[in-house]
């Protein structure tokens, strides 16, 4: 009777060890995948900040917006502007320029 009990305990212990090893392998795999995703995100961030960075916090150049009134442009043409890169790719860059005083969006006048 004791021999049969010891055999059952050994079998249960073996199954528990196999399950623990399987769970550990799964956790290790998930950890590796998460680490790879973090590395990819860091590479993407690095590319975005080194290739297409246009983070200008002060600009005293006159910017105009076709939809804004000229009085706004006259009042704020020397206003400090907040420039933020919001969408970048290798072929084009989209910028958002916002007046810090009134939070109105502007576009540079390239004429």
PDB file of N, CA and C in Angstrom:
ATOM      1  N   UNK A   1       0.811  -1.182   0.000  1.00  0.00           N
ATOM      2  CA  UNK A   1       0.000   0.000   0.000  1.00  0.00           C
ATOM      3  C   UNK A   1       0.861   1.255   0.000  1.00  0.00           C
ATOM      4  N   UNK A   2       1.884   1.289   0.856  1.00  0.00           N
ATOM      5  CA  UNK A   2       2.772   2.444   0.899  1.00  0.00           C
ATOM      6  C   UNK A   2       3.536   2.592  -0.400  1.00  0.00           C
ATOM      7  N   UNK A   3       3.878   1.479  -1.025  1.00  0.00           N
ATOM      8  CA  UNK A   3       4.608   1.516  -2.294  1.00  0.00           C
ATOM      9  C   UNK A   3       3.733   2.135  -3.390  1.00  0.00           C
ATOM     10  N   UNK A   4       2.459   1.778  -3.439  1.00  0.00           N
ATOM     11  CA  UNK A   4       1.529   2.330  -4.429  1.00  0.00           C
ATOM     12  C   UNK A   4       1.331   3.829  -4.191  1.00  0.00           C
ATOM     13  N   UNK A   5       1.237   4.217  -2.927  1.00  0.00           N
ATOM     14  CA  UNK A   5       1.065   5.633  -2.588  1.00  0.00           C
ATOM     15  C   UNK A   5       2.297   6.432  -3.029  1.00  0.00           C
ATOM     16  N   UNK A   6       3.480   5.908  -2.744  1.00  0.00           N
ATOM     17  CA  UNK A   6       4.723   6.573  -3.134  1.00  0.00           C
ATOM     18  C   UNK A   6       4.803   6.702  -4.656  1.00  0.00           C
ATOM     19  N   UNK A   7       4.367   5.677  -5.370  1.00  0.00           N
ATOM     20  CA  UNK A   7       4.373   5.718  -6.836  1.00  0.00           C
ATOM     21  C   UNK A   7       3.431   6.813  -7.354  1.00  0.00           C
ATOM     22  N   UNK A   8       2.249   6.935  -6.756  1.00  0.00           N
ATOM     23  CA  UNK A   8       1.297   7.978  -7.162  1.00  0.00           C
ATOM     24  C   UNK A   8       1.859   9.368  -6.888  1.00  0.00           C
ATOM     25  N   UNK A   9       2.491   9.541  -5.743  1.00  0.00           N
ATOM     26  CA  UNK A   9       3.087  10.837  -5.403  1.00  0.00           C
ATOM     27  C   UNK A   9       4.180  11.187  -6.406  1.00  0.00           C
ATOM     28  N   UNK A  10       5.025  10.185  -6.759  1.00  0.00           N
ATOM     29  CA  UNK A  10       6.074  10.414  -7.751  1.00  0.00           C
ATOM     30  C   UNK A  10       5.477  10.831  -9.095  1.00  0.00           C
ATOM     31  N   UNK A  11       4.407  10.142  -9.515  1.00  0.00           N
ATOM     32  CA  UNK A  11       3.756  10.450 -10.793  1.00  0.00           C
ATOM     33  C   UNK A  11       3.157  11.863 -10.778  1.00  0.00           C
ATOM     34  N   UNK A  12       2.479  12.215  -9.681  1.00  0.00           N
ATOM     35  CA  UNK A  12       1.924  13.569  -9.577  1.00  0.00           C
ATOM     36  C   UNK A  12       3.029  14.633  -9.581  1.00  0.00           C
ATOM     37  N   UNK A  13       4.110  14.338  -8.885  1.00  0.00           N
ATOM     38  CA  UNK A  13       5.233  15.270  -8.843  1.00  0.00           C
ATOM     39  C   UNK A  13       5.838  15.438 -10.233  1.00  0.00           C
ATOM     40  N   UNK A  14       5.986  14.334 -10.964  1.00  0.00           N
ATOM     41  CA  UNK A  14       6.527  14.387 -12.325  1.00  0.00           C
ATOM     42  C   UNK A  14       5.629  15.240 -13.221  1.00  0.00           C
ATOM     43  N   UNK A  15       4.306  15.046 -13.112  1.00  0.00           N
ATOM     44  CA  UNK A  15       3.360  15.828 -13.926  1.00  0.00           C
ATOM     45  C   UNK A  15       3.437  17.315 -13.578  1.00  0.00           C
ATOM     46  N   UNK A  16       3.535  17.607 -12.281  1.00  0.00           N
ATOM     47  CA  UNK A  16       3.648  19.004 -11.860  1.00  0.00           C
ATOM     48  C   UNK A  16       4.926  19.646 -12.401  1.00  0.00           C
ATOM     49  N   UNK A  17       6.028  18.881 -12.386  1.00  0.00           N
ATOM     50  CA  UNK A  17       7.290  19.396 -12.924  1.00  0.00           C
ATOM     51  C   UNK A  17       7.174  19.658 -14.424  1.00  0.00           C
ATOM     52  N   UNK A  18       6.545  18.742 -15.153  1.00  0.00           N
ATOM     53  CA  UNK A  18       6.363  18.928 -16.593  1.00  0.00           C
ATOM     54  C   UNK A  18       5.509  20.165 -16.873  1.00  0.00           C
ATOM     55  N   UNK A  19       4.438  20.328 -16.098  1.00  0.00           N
ATOM     56  CA  UNK A  19       3.572  21.485 -16.263  1.00  0.00           C
ATOM     57  C   UNK A  19       4.321  22.781 -15.955  1.00  0.00           C
ATOM     58  N   UNK A  20       5.105  22.766 -14.883  1.00  0.00           N
ATOM     59  CA  UNK A  20       5.877  23.954 -14.509  1.00  0.00           C
ATOM     60  C   UNK A  20       6.894  24.298 -15.596  1.00  0.00           C
ATOM     61  N   UNK A  21       7.564  23.281 -16.154  1.00  0.00           N
ATOM     62  CA  UNK A  21       8.530  23.528 -17.225  1.00  0.00           C
ATOM     63  C   UNK A  21       7.839  24.101 -18.463  1.00  0.00           C
ATOM     64  N   UNK A  22       6.659  23.551 -18.774  1.00  0.00           N
ATOM     65  CA  UNK A  22       5.900  24.042 -19.921  1.00  0.00           C
ATOM     66  C   UNK A  22       5.478  25.498 -19.715  1.00  0.00           C
ATOM     67  N   UNK A  23       4.984  25.813 -18.523  1.00  0.00           N
ATOM     68  CA  UNK A  23       4.579  27.187 -18.226  1.00  0.00           C
ATOM     69  C   UNK A  23       5.772  28.135 -18.250  1.00  0.00           C
ATOM     70  N   UNK A  24       6.912  27.672 -17.763  1.00  0.00           N
ATOM     71  CA  UNK A  24       8.109  28.498 -17.778  1.00  0.00           C
ATOM     72  C   UNK A  24       8.555  28.773 -19.213  1.00  0.00           C
ATOM     73  N   UNK A  25       8.512  27.737 -20.057  1.00  0.00           N
ATOM     74  CA  UNK A  25       8.891  27.915 -21.464  1.00  0.00           C
ATOM     75  C   UNK A  25       7.950  28.908 -22.150  1.00  0.00           C
ATOM     76  N   UNK A  26       6.659  28.807 -21.856  1.00  0.00           N
ATOM     77  CA  UNK A  26       5.686  29.735 -22.435  1.00  0.00           C
ATOM     78  C   UNK A  26       5.941  31.166 -21.961  1.00  0.00           C
ATOM     79  N   UNK A  27       6.210  31.323 -20.675  1.00  0.00           N
ATOM     80  CA  UNK A  27       6.499  32.651 -20.131  1.00  0.00           C
ATOM     81  C   UNK A  27       7.775  33.228 -20.750  1.00  0.00           C
ATOM     82  N   UNK A  28       8.792  32.386 -20.926  1.00  0.00           N
ATOM     83  CA  UNK A  28      10.042  32.840 -21.538  1.00  0.00           C
ATOM     84  C   UNK A  28       9.793  33.291 -22.979  1.00  0.00           C
ATOM     85  N   UNK A  29       8.962  32.527 -23.712  1.00  0.00           N
ATOM     86  CA  UNK A  29       8.629  32.881 -25.092  1.00  0.00           C
ATOM     87  C   UNK A  29       7.893  34.231 -25.139  1.00  0.00           C
ATOM     88  N   UNK A  30       6.939  34.420 -24.240  1.00  0.00           N
ATOM     89  CA  UNK A  30       6.204  35.688 -24.191  1.00  0.00           C
ATOM     90  C   UNK A  30       7.146  36.844 -23.852  1.00  0.00           C
ATOM     91  N   UNK A  31       8.079  36.603 -22.933  1.00  0.00           N
ATOM     92  CA  UNK A  31       9.052  37.625 -22.556  1.00  0.00           C
ATOM     93  C   UNK A  31       9.911  38.013 -23.756  1.00  0.00           C
ATOM     94  N   UNK A  32      10.368  37.020 -24.508  1.00  0.00           N
ATOM     95  CA  UNK A  32      11.185  37.282 -25.689  1.00  0.00           C
ATOM     96  C   UNK A  32      10.408  38.091 -26.722  1.00  0.00           C
ATOM     97  N   UNK A  33       9.152  37.724 -26.945  1.00  0.00           N
ATOM     98  CA  UNK A  33       8.329  38.463 -27.906  1.00  0.00           C
ATOM     99  C   UNK A  33       8.133  39.904 -27.456  1.00  0.00           C
ATOM    100  N   UNK A  34       7.880  40.106 -26.179  1.00  0.00           N
ATOM    101  CA  UNK A  34       7.705  41.460 -25.651  1.00  0.00           C
ATOM    102  C   UNK A  34       8.993  42.266 -25.798  1.00  0.00           C
ATOM    103  N   UNK A  35      10.134  41.635 -25.519  1.00  0.00           N
ATOM    104  CA  UNK A  35      11.427  42.314 -25.658  1.00  0.00           C
ATOM    105  C   UNK A  35      11.672  42.711 -27.111  1.00  0.00           C
ATOM    106  N   UNK A  36      11.338  41.819 -28.053  1.00  0.00           N
ATOM    107  CA  UNK A  36      11.491  42.131 -29.476  1.00  0.00           C
ATOM    108  C   UNK A  36      10.601  43.304 -29.882  1.00  0.00           C
ATOM    109  N   UNK A  37       9.379  43.337 -29.361  1.00  0.00           N
ATOM    110  CA  UNK A  37       8.468  44.439 -29.675  1.00  0.00           C
ATOM    111  C   UNK A  37       9.004  45.761 -29.126  1.00  0.00           C
ATOM    112  N   UNK A  38       9.575  45.724 -27.928  1.00  0.00           N
ATOM    113  CA  UNK A  38      10.158  46.937 -27.352  1.00  0.00           C
ATOM    114  C   UNK A  38      11.333  47.401 -28.205  1.00  0.00           C
ATOM    115  N   UNK A  39      12.176  46.462 -28.648  1.00  0.00           N
ATOM    116  CA  UNK A  39      13.305  46.823 -29.503  1.00  0.00           C
ATOM    117  C   UNK A  39      12.825  47.442 -30.809  1.00  0.00           C
ATOM    118  N   UNK A  40      11.773  46.861 -31.413  1.00  0.00           N
ATOM    119  CA  UNK A  40      11.220  47.422 -32.652  1.00  0.00           C
ATOM    120  C   UNK A  40      10.715  48.841 -32.415  1.00  0.00           C
ATOM    121  N   UNK A  41      10.013  49.036 -31.306  1.00  0.00           N
ATOM    122  CA  UNK A  41       9.482  50.366 -30.989  1.00  0.00           C
ATOM    123  C   UNK A  41      10.616  51.366 -30.781  1.00  0.00           C
ATOM    124  N   UNK A  42      11.687  50.939 -30.118  1.00  0.00           N
ATOM    125  CA  UNK A  42      12.821  51.829 -29.898  1.00  0.00           C
ATOM    126  C   UNK A  42      13.495  52.192 -31.211  1.00  0.00           C
ATOM    127  N   UNK A  43      13.614  51.223 -32.125  1.00  0.00           N
ATOM    128  CA  UNK A  43      14.208  51.490 -33.436  1.00  0.00           C
ATOM    129  C   UNK A  43      13.338  52.472 -34.214  1.00  0.00           C
ATOM    130  N   UNK A  44      12.014  52.251 -34.180  1.00  0.00           N
ATOM    131  CA  UNK A  44      11.101  53.167 -34.875  1.00  0.00           C
ATOM    132  C   UNK A  44      11.195  54.571 -34.289  1.00  0.00           C
ATOM    133  N   UNK A  45      11.277  54.652 -32.965  1.00  0.00           N
ATOM    134  CA  UNK A  45      11.389  55.954 -32.304  1.00  0.00           C
ATOM    135  C   UNK A  45      12.692  56.632 -32.705  1.00  0.00           C
ATOM    136  N   UNK A  46      13.771  55.876 -32.725  1.00  0.00           N
ATOM    137  CA  UNK A  46      15.071  56.420 -33.102  1.00  0.00           C
ATOM    138  C   UNK A  46      15.047  56.936 -34.537  1.00  0.00           C
ATOM    139  N   UNK A  47      14.462  56.154 -35.446  1.00  0.00           N
ATOM    140  CA  UNK A  47      14.364  56.591 -36.843  1.00  0.00           C
ATOM    141  C   UNK A  47      13.537  57.860 -36.948  1.00  0.00           C
ATOM    142  N   UNK A  48      12.429  57.912 -36.225  1.00  0.00           N
ATOM    143  CA  UNK A  48      11.553  59.080 -36.293  1.00  0.00           C
ATOM    144  C   UNK A  48      12.241  60.320 -35.744  1.00  0.00           C
ATOM    145  N   UNK A  49      13.031  60.163 -34.697  1.00  0.00           N
ATOM    146  CA  UNK A  49      13.649  61.338 -34.091  1.00  0.00           C
ATOM    147  C   UNK A  49      14.922  61.760 -34.804  1.00  0.00           C
ATOM    148  N   UNK A  50      15.637  60.836 -35.447  1.00  0.00           N
ATOM    149  CA  UNK A  50      16.871  61.233 -36.114  1.00  0.00           C
ATOM    150  C   UNK A  50      16.647  61.661 -37.552  1.00  0.00           C
ATOM    151  N   UNK A  51      15.734  61.014 -38.275  1.00  0.00           N
ATOM    152  CA  UNK A  51      15.542  61.322 -39.689  1.00  0.00           C
ATOM    153  C   UNK A  51      14.595  62.472 -39.938  1.00  0.00           C
ATOM    154  N   UNK A  52      13.535  62.580 -39.181  1.00  0.00           N
ATOM    155  CA  UNK A  52      12.496  63.554 -39.490  1.00  0.00           C
ATOM    156  C   UNK A  52      12.170  64.472 -38.324  1.00  0.00           C
ATOM    157  N   UNK A  53      13.134  64.779 -37.501  1.00  0.00           N
ATOM    158  CA  UNK A  53      12.850  65.624 -36.348  1.00  0.00           C
ATOM    159  C   UNK A  53      12.753  67.073 -36.774  1.00  0.00           C
ATOM    160  N   UNK A  54      11.662  67.666 -36.430  1.00  0.00           N
ATOM    161  CA  UNK A  54      11.488  69.100 -36.593  1.00  0.00           C
ATOM    162  C   UNK A  54      10.779  69.565 -35.349  1.00  0.00           C
ATOM    163  N   UNK A  55      11.509  69.568 -34.272  1.00  0.00           N
ATOM    164  CA  UNK A  55      10.902  69.954 -33.011  1.00  0.00           C
ATOM    165  C   UNK A  55      11.428  71.329 -32.655  1.00  0.00           C
ATOM    166  N   UNK A  56      10.777  72.338 -33.142  1.00  0.00           N
ATOM    167  CA  UNK A  56      11.213  73.708 -32.923  1.00  0.00           C
ATOM    168  C   UNK A  56      10.268  74.336 -31.918  1.00  0.00           C
ATOM    169  N   UNK A  57      10.807  74.780 -30.806  1.00  0.00           N
ATOM    170  CA  UNK A  57       9.927  75.331 -29.785  1.00  0.00           C
ATOM    171  C   UNK A  57       9.799  76.840 -29.883  1.00  0.00           C
ATOM    172  N   UNK A  58      10.768  77.501 -30.506  1.00  0.00           N
ATOM    173  CA  UNK A  58      10.619  78.935 -30.669  1.00  0.00           C
ATOM    174  C   UNK A  58      10.857  79.295 -32.116  1.00  0.00           C
ATOM    175  N   UNK A  59      10.022  80.165 -32.614  1.00  0.00           N
ATOM    176  CA  UNK A  59      10.178  80.658 -33.977  1.00  0.00           C
ATOM    177  C   UNK A  59       9.682  82.083 -34.000  1.00  0.00           C
ATOM    178  N   UNK A  60      10.487  82.972 -34.526  1.00  0.00           N
ATOM    179  CA  UNK A  60      10.055  84.356 -34.612  1.00  0.00           C
ATOM    180  C   UNK A  60       9.761  84.734 -36.051  1.00  0.00           C
ATOM    181  N   UNK A  61       9.680  83.734 -36.897  1.00  0.00           N
ATOM    182  CA  UNK A  61       9.337  83.956 -38.287  1.00  0.00           C
ATOM    183  C   UNK A  61       7.839  84.118 -38.415  1.00  0.00           C
ATOM    184  N   UNK A  62       7.426  84.856 -39.387  1.00  0.00           N
ATOM    185  CA  UNK A  62       5.996  85.042 -39.605  1.00  0.00           C
ATOM    186  C   UNK A  62       5.434  83.829 -40.316  1.00  0.00           C
ATOM    187  N   UNK A  63       4.429  83.219 -39.709  1.00  0.00           N
ATOM    188  CA  UNK A  63       3.711  82.115 -40.310  1.00  0.00           C
ATOM    189  C   UNK A  63       2.309  82.596 -40.600  1.00  0.00           C
ATOM    190  N   UNK A  64       1.733  82.111 -41.692  1.00  0.00           N
ATOM    191  CA  UNK A  64       0.367  82.519 -41.987  1.00  0.00           C
ATOM    192  C   UNK A  64      -0.485  81.306 -42.246  1.00  0.00           C
ATOM    193  N   UNK A  65      -1.747  81.494 -42.032  1.00  0.00           N
ATOM    194  CA  UNK A  65      -2.730  80.441 -42.265  1.00  0.00           C
ATOM    195  C   UNK A  65      -3.792  81.029 -43.164  1.00  0.00           C
ATOM    196  N   UNK A  66      -4.096  80.364 -44.255  1.00  0.00           N
ATOM    197  CA  UNK A  66      -5.044  80.909 -45.217  1.00  0.00           C
ATOM    198  C   UNK A  66      -6.418  81.109 -44.609  1.00  0.00           C
ATOM    199  N   UNK A  67      -6.775  80.345 -43.586  1.00  0.00           N
ATOM    200  CA  UNK A  67      -8.096  80.481 -42.990  1.00  0.00           C
ATOM    201  C   UNK A  67      -8.129  81.472 -41.835  1.00  0.00           C
ATOM    202  N   UNK A  68      -6.973  81.977 -41.412  1.00  0.00           N
ATOM    203  CA  UNK A  68      -6.970  82.892 -40.272  1.00  0.00           C
ATOM    204  C   UNK A  68      -7.080  84.328 -40.751  1.00  0.00           C
ATOM    205  N   UNK A  69      -7.530  85.180 -39.874  1.00  0.00           N
ATOM    206  CA  UNK A  69      -7.689  86.588 -40.235  1.00  0.00           C
ATOM    207  C   UNK A  69      -6.344  87.285 -40.203  1.00  0.00           C
ATOM    208  N   UNK A  70      -6.230  88.370 -40.966  1.00  0.00           N
ATOM    209  CA  UNK A  70      -4.965  89.094 -41.002  1.00  0.00           C
ATOM    210  C   UNK A  70      -4.676  89.769 -39.672  1.00  0.00           C
ATOM    211  N   UNK A  71      -5.721  90.161 -38.924  1.00  0.00           N
ATOM    212  CA  UNK A  71      -5.479  90.780 -37.623  1.00  0.00           C
ATOM    213  C   UNK A  71      -4.810  89.797 -36.674  1.00  0.00           C
ATOM    214  N   UNK A  72      -5.206  88.524 -36.768  1.00  0.00           N
ATOM    215  CA  UNK A  72      -4.552  87.510 -35.937  1.00  0.00           C
ATOM    216  C   UNK A  72      -3.097  87.377 -36.339  1.00  0.00           C
ATOM    217  N   UNK A  73      -2.816  87.362 -37.640  1.00  0.00           N
ATOM    218  CA  UNK A  73      -1.433  87.260 -38.102  1.00  0.00           C
ATOM    219  C   UNK A  73      -0.625  88.470 -37.668  1.00  0.00           C
ATOM    220  N   UNK A  74      -1.219  89.662 -37.742  1.00  0.00           N
ATOM    221  CA  UNK A  74      -0.501  90.861 -37.332  1.00  0.00           C
ATOM    222  C   UNK A  74      -0.207  90.848 -35.842  1.00  0.00           C
ATOM    223  N   UNK A  75      -1.158  90.396 -35.045  1.00  0.00           N
ATOM    224  CA  UNK A  75      -0.951  90.356 -33.597  1.00  0.00           C
ATOM    225  C   UNK A  75       0.082  89.318 -33.199  1.00  0.00           C
ATOM    226  N   UNK A  76       0.092  88.201 -33.895  1.00  0.00           N
ATOM    227  CA  UNK A  76       0.895  87.067 -33.442  1.00  0.00           C
ATOM    228  C   UNK A  76       2.035  86.693 -34.385  1.00  0.00           C
ATOM    229  N   UNK A  77       2.370  87.544 -35.344  1.00  0.00           N
ATOM    230  CA  UNK A  77       3.368  87.093 -36.304  1.00  0.00           C
ATOM    231  C   UNK A  77       4.744  86.921 -35.686  1.00  0.00           C
ATOM    232  N   UNK A  78       4.986  87.538 -34.547  1.00  0.00           N
ATOM    233  CA  UNK A  78       6.248  87.309 -33.839  1.00  0.00           C
ATOM    234  C   UNK A  78       6.044  86.469 -32.582  1.00  0.00           C
ATOM    235  N   UNK A  79       4.841  85.960 -32.427  1.00  0.00           N
ATOM    236  CA  UNK A  79       4.536  85.137 -31.249  1.00  0.00           C
ATOM    237  C   UNK A  79       5.353  83.847 -31.308  1.00  0.00           C
ATOM    238  N   UNK A  80       5.765  83.366 -30.157  1.00  0.00           N
ATOM    239  CA  UNK A  80       6.468  82.089 -30.098  1.00  0.00           C
ATOM    240  C   UNK A  80       5.507  80.995 -30.525  1.00  0.00           C
ATOM    241  N   UNK A  81       5.958  80.176 -31.451  1.00  0.00           N
ATOM    242  CA  UNK A  81       5.116  79.111 -31.972  1.00  0.00           C
ATOM    243  C   UNK A  81       5.622  77.767 -31.488  1.00  0.00           C
ATOM    244  N   UNK A  82       4.707  76.885 -31.351  1.00  0.00           N
ATOM    245  CA  UNK A  82       5.004  75.525 -30.941  1.00  0.00           C
ATOM    246  C   UNK A  82       4.942  74.658 -32.183  1.00  0.00           C
ATOM    247  N   UNK A  83       6.014  74.000 -32.525  1.00  0.00           N
ATOM    248  CA  UNK A  83       6.045  73.182 -33.722  1.00  0.00           C
ATOM    249  C   UNK A  83       6.243  71.738 -33.302  1.00  0.00           C
ATOM    250  N   UNK A  84       5.434  70.856 -33.812  1.00  0.00           N
ATOM    251  CA  UNK A  84       5.502  69.472 -33.374  1.00  0.00           C
ATOM    252  C   UNK A  84       5.369  68.553 -34.568  1.00  0.00           C
ATOM    253  N   UNK A  85       6.258  67.590 -34.665  1.00  0.00           N
ATOM    254  CA  UNK A  85       6.196  66.610 -35.740  1.00  0.00           C
ATOM    255  C   UNK A  85       5.139  65.584 -35.359  1.00  0.00           C
ATOM    256  N   UNK A  86       4.047  65.498 -36.142  1.00  0.00           N
ATOM    257  CA  UNK A  86       2.976  64.579 -35.774  1.00  0.00           C
ATOM    258  C   UNK A  86       2.865  63.386 -36.698  1.00  0.00           C
ATOM    259  N   UNK A  87       3.491  63.436 -37.854  1.00  0.00           N
ATOM    260  CA  UNK A  87       3.398  62.300 -38.769  1.00  0.00           C
ATOM    261  C   UNK A  87       4.606  62.350 -39.666  1.00  0.00           C
ATOM    262  N   UNK A  88       5.444  61.318 -39.641  1.00  0.00           N
ATOM    263  CA  UNK A  88       6.591  61.344 -40.505  1.00  0.00           C
ATOM    264  C   UNK A  88       6.786  60.019 -41.200  1.00  0.00           C
ATOM    265  N   UNK A  89       7.267  60.128 -42.401  1.00  0.00           N
ATOM    266  CA  UNK A  89       7.651  58.949 -43.159  1.00  0.00           C
ATOM    267  C   UNK A  89       8.859  59.354 -43.973  1.00  0.00           C
ATOM    268  N   UNK A  90       9.448  58.404 -44.698  1.00  0.00           N
ATOM    269  CA  UNK A  90      10.649  58.723 -45.449  1.00  0.00           C
ATOM    270  C   UNK A  90      10.362  59.682 -46.591  1.00  0.00           C
ATOM    271  N   UNK A  91       9.131  59.713 -47.103  1.00  0.00           N
ATOM    272  CA  UNK A  91       8.830  60.544 -48.256  1.00  0.00           C
ATOM    273  C   UNK A  91       8.276  61.914 -47.887  1.00  0.00           C
ATOM    274  N   UNK A  92       7.580  62.048 -46.784  1.00  0.00           N
ATOM    275  CA  UNK A  92       6.984  63.339 -46.458  1.00  0.00           C
ATOM    276  C   UNK A  92       6.872  63.501 -44.957  1.00  0.00           C
ATOM    277  N   UNK A  93       6.750  64.756 -44.559  1.00  0.00           N
ATOM    278  CA  UNK A  93       6.589  65.070 -43.150  1.00  0.00           C
ATOM    279  C   UNK A  93       5.419  66.024 -43.009  1.00  0.00           C
ATOM    280  N   UNK A  94       4.548  65.720 -42.087  1.00  0.00           N
ATOM    281  CA  UNK A  94       3.386  66.567 -41.821  1.00  0.00           C
ATOM    282  C   UNK A  94       3.633  67.272 -40.500  1.00  0.00           C
ATOM    283  N   UNK A  95       3.434  68.582 -40.476  1.00  0.00           N
ATOM    284  CA  UNK A  95       3.726  69.355 -39.281  1.00  0.00           C
ATOM    285  C   UNK A  95       2.467  70.006 -38.744  1.00  0.00           C
ATOM    286  N   UNK A  96       2.447  70.178 -37.467  1.00  0.00           N
ATOM    287  CA  UNK A  96       1.399  70.964 -36.827  1.00  0.00           C
ATOM    288  C   UNK A  96       2.087  72.114 -36.122  1.00  0.00           C
ATOM    289  N   UNK A  97       1.686  73.332 -36.459  1.00  0.00           N
ATOM    290  CA  UNK A  97       2.263  74.516 -35.849  1.00  0.00           C
ATOM    291  C   UNK A  97       1.135  75.234 -35.131  1.00  0.00           C
ATOM    292  N   UNK A  98       1.319  75.472 -33.851  1.00  0.00           N
ATOM    293  CA  UNK A  98       0.251  76.043 -33.036  1.00  0.00           C
ATOM    294  C   UNK A  98       0.766  77.254 -32.278  1.00  0.00           C
ATOM    295  N   UNK A  99      -0.012  78.330 -32.316  1.00  0.00           N
ATOM    296  CA  UNK A  99       0.324  79.527 -31.552  1.00  0.00           C
ATOM    297  C   UNK A  99       0.153  79.200 -30.072  1.00  0.00           C
ATOM    298  N   UNK A 100       1.197  79.453 -29.271  1.00  0.00           N
ATOM    299  CA  UNK A 100       1.113  79.147 -27.847  1.00  0.00           C
ATOM    300  C   UNK A 100       0.139  80.064 -27.126  1.00  0.00           C
ATOM    301  N   UNK A 101      -0.048  81.250 -27.653  1.00  0.00           N
ATOM    302  CA  UNK A 101      -0.929  82.214 -27.002  1.00  0.00           C
ATOM    303  C   UNK A 101      -2.399  81.856 -27.165  1.00  0.00           C
ATOM    304  N   UNK A 102      -2.819  81.593 -28.408  1.00  0.00           N
ATOM    305  CA  UNK A 102      -4.249  81.356 -28.649  1.00  0.00           C
ATOM    306  C   UNK A 102      -4.552  79.927 -29.084  1.00  0.00           C
ATOM    307  N   UNK A 103      -3.528  79.090 -29.237  1.00  0.00           N
ATOM    308  CA  UNK A 103      -3.653  77.680 -29.626  1.00  0.00           C
ATOM    309  C   UNK A 103      -4.250  77.504 -31.020  1.00  0.00           C
ATOM    310  N   UNK A 104      -4.180  78.558 -31.874  1.00  0.00           N
ATOM    311  CA  UNK A 104      -4.672  78.443 -33.242  1.00  0.00           C
ATOM    312  C   UNK A 104      -3.607  77.776 -34.095  1.00  0.00           C
ATOM    313  N   UNK A 105      -4.038  76.881 -34.984  1.00  0.00           N
ATOM    314  CA  UNK A 105      -3.104  76.163 -35.847  1.00  0.00           C
ATOM    315  C   UNK A 105      -2.714  77.022 -37.044  1.00  0.00           C
ATOM    316  N   UNK A 106      -1.447  76.922 -37.429  1.00  0.00           N
ATOM    317  CA  UNK A 106      -0.901  77.662 -38.557  1.00  0.00           C
ATOM    318  C   UNK A 106      -0.244  76.705 -39.535  1.00  0.00           C
ATOM    319  N   UNK A 107      -0.026  77.195 -40.738  1.00  0.00           N
ATOM    320  CA  UNK A 107       0.791  76.506 -41.736  1.00  0.00           C
ATOM    321  C   UNK A 107       1.856  77.486 -42.188  1.00  0.00           C
ATOM    322  N   UNK A 108       3.100  77.029 -42.416  1.00  0.00           N
ATOM    323  CA  UNK A 108       4.134  77.945 -42.921  1.00  0.00           C
ATOM    324  C   UNK A 108       3.733  78.470 -44.300  1.00  0.00           C
ATOM    325  N   UNK A 109       4.068  79.723 -44.575  1.00  0.00           N
ATOM    326  CA  UNK A 109       3.810  80.314 -45.879  1.00  0.00           C
ATOM    327  C   UNK A 109       5.064  80.116 -46.711  1.00  0.00           C
ATOM    328  N   UNK A 110       5.019  79.228 -47.697  1.00  0.00           N
ATOM    329  CA  UNK A 110       6.195  78.907 -48.501  1.00  0.00           C
ATOM    330  C   UNK A 110       6.296  79.759 -49.757  1.00  0.00           C
ATOM    331  N   UNK A 111       5.477  80.794 -49.904  1.00  0.00           N
ATOM    332  CA  UNK A 111       5.503  81.632 -51.117  1.00  0.00           C
ATOM    333  C   UNK A 111       6.650  82.597 -51.090  1.00  0.00           C
TER     334      UNK A 111
END
